[in-house]
Protein backbone atom coordinates (compact mmCIF):
# COMPACT_ATOMS: atom_id res chain seq x y z
CA MET A 1 -26.66 10.56 8.96
CA ALA A 2 -28.71 13.76 9.22
CA GLY A 3 -28.17 14.48 5.53
CA ALA A 4 -29.36 11.01 4.56
CA GLU A 5 -32.41 11.44 6.78
CA SER A 6 -33.45 14.75 5.16
CA GLN A 7 -32.93 13.29 1.65
CA VAL A 8 -35.18 10.31 2.43
CA VAL A 9 -37.91 12.52 3.85
CA ARG A 10 -37.87 14.82 0.81
CA LEU A 11 -38.06 11.89 -1.57
CA ALA A 12 -40.85 10.26 0.41
CA ALA A 13 -43.04 13.32 -0.03
CA HIS A 14 -42.13 13.84 -3.69
CA PRO A 15 -45.10 13.88 -6.08
CA VAL A 16 -45.87 10.69 -7.92
CA GLY A 17 -44.27 10.45 -11.33
CA HIS A 18 -42.21 8.14 -13.50
CA ARG A 19 -40.50 5.43 -11.41
CA PRO A 20 -36.85 4.97 -12.37
CA SER A 21 -35.15 1.60 -12.28
CA ILE A 22 -33.63 0.35 -9.04
CA MET A 23 -30.11 1.42 -10.04
CA ALA A 24 -31.19 4.80 -11.44
CA HIS A 25 -33.32 6.04 -8.53
CA PRO A 26 -31.24 8.54 -6.55
CA ALA A 27 -32.71 7.48 -3.20
CA ARG A 28 -31.80 3.83 -3.74
CA VAL A 29 -28.34 4.61 -5.10
CA GLY A 30 -27.69 7.05 -2.27
CA MET A 31 -28.77 4.61 0.41
CA LEU A 32 -26.70 1.78 -1.08
CA ALA A 33 -23.63 4.01 -1.16
CA PHE A 34 -24.26 5.14 2.40
CA LEU A 35 -24.67 1.55 3.64
CA LEU A 36 -21.43 0.52 1.94
CA SER A 37 -19.61 3.27 3.84
CA GLU A 38 -21.29 2.08 7.04
CA VAL A 39 -19.99 -1.44 6.43
CA ALA A 40 -16.45 -0.04 6.49
CA PHE A 41 -17.22 2.07 9.58
CA PHE A 42 -18.69 -0.72 11.68
CA GLY A 43 -16.15 -3.19 10.30
CA THR A 44 -13.41 -1.04 11.80
CA LEU A 45 -15.13 -0.79 15.19
CA ILE A 46 -15.90 -4.51 15.33
CA THR A 47 -12.38 -5.48 14.28
CA THR A 48 -10.92 -3.19 16.95
CA TYR A 49 -13.09 -4.74 19.67
CA ALA A 50 -12.15 -8.26 18.52
CA TYR A 51 -8.43 -7.36 18.47
CA TYR A 52 -8.49 -6.13 22.06
CA LEU A 53 -10.81 -8.87 23.31
CA PRO A 54 -8.11 -10.82 25.24
CA GLN A 55 -7.21 -7.67 27.19
CA ILE A 56 -10.87 -6.79 27.70
CA ARG A 57 -11.58 -10.23 29.21
CA ALA A 58 -8.55 -9.98 31.49
CA GLY A 59 -9.41 -6.52 32.79
CA SER A 60 -11.34 -5.45 35.85
CA PRO A 61 -14.26 -5.37 35.65
CA SER A 62 -14.54 -8.08 33.02
CA PRO A 63 -17.51 -8.58 30.69
CA ALA A 64 -18.57 -11.71 32.59
CA GLU A 65 -18.76 -9.70 35.81
CA VAL A 66 -20.94 -6.83 34.59
CA PHE A 67 -23.14 -8.00 31.72
CA ARG A 68 -26.75 -9.02 32.43
CA LEU A 69 -27.56 -11.28 29.50
CA PRO A 70 -31.37 -11.62 30.06
CA LEU A 71 -31.87 -7.86 29.61
CA VAL A 72 -29.78 -7.82 26.44
CA LEU A 73 -31.66 -10.83 25.07
CA VAL A 74 -34.99 -9.04 25.51
CA SER A 75 -33.66 -5.92 23.80
CA THR A 76 -32.22 -8.02 20.99
CA ALA A 77 -35.54 -9.82 20.50
CA CYS A 78 -37.26 -6.42 20.16
CA LEU A 79 -34.77 -5.21 17.55
CA LEU A 80 -34.82 -8.39 15.47
CA SER A 81 -38.62 -8.53 15.61
CA SER A 82 -38.69 -4.97 14.29
CA SER A 83 -37.01 -6.14 11.09
CA VAL A 84 -39.87 -8.57 10.56
CA THR A 85 -42.53 -5.90 11.11
CA ALA A 86 -40.65 -3.46 8.84
CA HIS A 87 -40.57 -6.05 6.06
CA PHE A 88 -44.28 -6.77 6.26
CA ALA A 89 -45.09 -3.07 6.62
CA GLU A 90 -43.31 -2.32 3.36
CA ARG A 91 -45.15 -5.21 1.69
CA ALA A 92 -48.49 -3.96 3.02
CA LEU A 93 -47.79 -0.48 1.65
CA ARG A 94 -46.96 -1.82 -1.81
CA GLN A 95 -50.18 -3.87 -1.77
CA GLY A 96 -52.22 -0.79 -0.87
CA HIS A 97 -53.18 -1.98 2.64
CA ARG A 98 -52.77 1.38 4.36
CA PRO A 99 -54.18 0.45 7.84
CA ARG A 100 -51.96 -2.64 7.99
CA PHE A 101 -48.93 -0.59 6.94
CA LEU A 102 -49.59 2.03 9.60
CA LEU A 103 -49.98 -0.64 12.29
CA LEU A 104 -46.86 -2.57 11.32
CA TRP A 105 -44.74 0.54 10.76
CA GLY A 106 -45.83 1.96 14.11
CA THR A 107 -44.98 -1.37 15.75
CA THR A 108 -41.52 -1.22 14.18
CA ILE A 109 -40.97 2.21 15.69
CA LEU A 110 -42.16 0.98 19.10
CA LEU A 111 -39.83 -2.04 19.01
CA GLY A 112 -36.91 0.18 18.06
CA ALA A 113 -37.72 2.53 20.94
CA LEU A 114 -37.90 -0.44 23.33
CA PHE A 115 -34.45 -1.54 22.20
CA LEU A 116 -33.10 1.93 22.95
CA ALA A 117 -34.82 1.92 26.35
CA GLY A 118 -33.21 -1.44 27.10
CA THR A 119 -29.80 -0.10 26.08
CA ALA A 120 -30.26 2.95 28.31
CA HIS A 121 -31.26 0.72 31.22
CA GLU A 122 -28.23 -1.51 30.64
CA TRP A 123 -25.89 1.48 30.55
CA ASP A 124 -27.37 2.80 33.79
CA ASP A 125 -26.67 -0.59 35.38
CA LEU A 126 -23.12 -0.73 33.98
CA ILE A 127 -22.28 2.79 35.12
CA GLY A 128 -23.62 1.84 38.57
CA GLN A 129 -21.12 -1.01 38.59
CA GLY A 130 -18.31 1.40 37.72
CA LEU A 131 -17.98 0.71 33.99
CA THR A 132 -17.75 4.09 32.27
CA ILE A 133 -16.29 5.04 28.90
CA SER A 134 -13.07 6.13 30.62
CA ARG A 135 -12.76 2.90 32.63
CA GLY A 136 -9.93 1.23 30.78
CA LEU A 137 -9.90 -0.48 27.43
CA PHE A 138 -13.15 -2.36 28.07
CA GLY A 139 -15.19 0.75 28.78
CA THR A 140 -13.77 2.67 25.83
CA CYS A 141 -14.26 -0.12 23.28
CA TYR A 142 -17.67 -1.17 24.59
CA TYR A 143 -19.32 2.25 24.73
CA THR A 144 -17.81 3.28 21.38
CA LEU A 145 -19.10 0.21 19.54
CA VAL A 146 -22.49 -0.16 21.22
CA GLY A 147 -22.93 3.61 21.44
CA PHE A 148 -22.47 4.18 17.72
CA HIS A 149 -24.91 1.37 17.01
CA ALA A 150 -27.47 2.92 19.38
CA ALA A 151 -26.99 6.26 17.59
CA HIS A 152 -27.81 4.57 14.27
CA VAL A 153 -30.90 2.97 15.79
CA THR A 154 -31.97 6.40 17.05
CA VAL A 155 -31.61 7.87 13.55
CA GLY A 156 -33.67 4.99 12.17
CA VAL A 157 -36.45 5.53 14.70
CA VAL A 158 -36.51 9.25 13.86
CA MET A 159 -36.68 8.60 10.10
CA MET A 160 -39.44 6.02 10.52
CA SER A 161 -41.40 8.38 12.76
CA ILE A 162 -41.19 11.12 10.14
CA LEU A 163 -42.36 8.71 7.45
CA LEU A 164 -45.23 7.60 9.70
CA GLY A 165 -46.29 11.22 10.06
CA LEU A 166 -46.16 11.67 6.28
CA ALA A 167 -48.16 8.47 5.80
CA LEU A 168 -50.83 9.68 8.21
CA ARG A 169 -51.12 12.79 6.02
CA ARG A 170 -51.32 10.51 2.95
CA GLN A 171 -48.06 11.81 1.54
CA VAL A 172 -46.60 8.29 1.62
CA THR A 173 -48.72 5.77 -0.28
CA ASP A 174 -48.39 2.68 -2.44
CA ALA A 175 -47.80 5.04 -5.37
CA ASN A 176 -44.55 6.39 -3.85
CA PRO A 177 -43.11 3.74 -1.51
CA THR A 178 -39.44 4.55 -2.14
CA GLY A 179 -38.90 6.39 1.13
CA VAL A 180 -40.23 3.44 3.12
CA GLU A 181 -38.17 1.05 1.01
CA VAL A 182 -34.80 2.73 1.56
CA VAL A 183 -35.43 3.32 5.26
CA SER A 184 -36.28 -0.38 5.54
CA TRP A 185 -32.92 -1.18 3.95
CA TYR A 186 -31.23 1.00 6.54
CA TRP A 187 -33.17 -0.65 9.36
CA HIS A 188 -32.35 -4.18 8.21
CA PHE A 189 -28.68 -3.18 8.01
CA VAL A 190 -28.72 -1.81 11.55
CA ASP A 191 -30.34 -5.04 12.77
CA GLY A 192 -27.74 -7.12 10.93
CA VAL A 193 -24.92 -5.15 12.51
CA TRP A 194 -26.44 -5.79 15.93
CA VAL A 195 -26.37 -9.56 15.35
CA VAL A 196 -22.59 -9.31 14.85
CA VAL A 197 -22.11 -6.91 17.78
CA PHE A 198 -24.26 -9.02 20.12
CA THR A 199 -22.40 -12.21 19.17
CA LEU A 200 -18.97 -10.63 19.64
CA VAL A 201 -19.60 -8.55 22.75
CA TYR A 202 -22.09 -10.58 24.76
CA LEU A 203 -21.45 -14.18 23.69
CA VAL A 204 -17.88 -14.60 22.44
CA GLY A 205 -16.55 -11.77 24.59
CA ARG A 206 -17.90 -12.92 27.96
């Protein structure tokens, strides 16, 4: 993930020149390849959680005993809303509306940070109830799946923050929006994964 982050940042600050086609641009091709590998990665984690779900439900503590759904719903609303702001931020950049882009992109970062804060608060509550990563099958599967997703959200927030800094220095403009574009792809993917994780872990798995 760190290598992908550094590649995106370098490309974002690259001088304006000829724009290759969507399939020829190395940043787009690289991000698409990376996301395909992430589909396999998260597919494995999600399938594992689903396979062990009957044992997870029957364990002690069970998901129904420890999860606080209102907190997770608020965090989920923040993350899904951030996909909307990221989309309109990218559109604003392409249309040359720099102030609108900066506002929407900054809002996306804030919403992502709020999601992470909500996850941290939830984990603090779960650990207080005795659910740790070493607490049986439930703890191991839950923290592995949700933890890796939170790590990907963290990487996304870092990449967007770097791009925001470059945009404030006018190194990211409507003339070179590729860095913002590929990071937006990554962010939409992370949000899509969370929809599946939230449905499996907090709704089906309760």
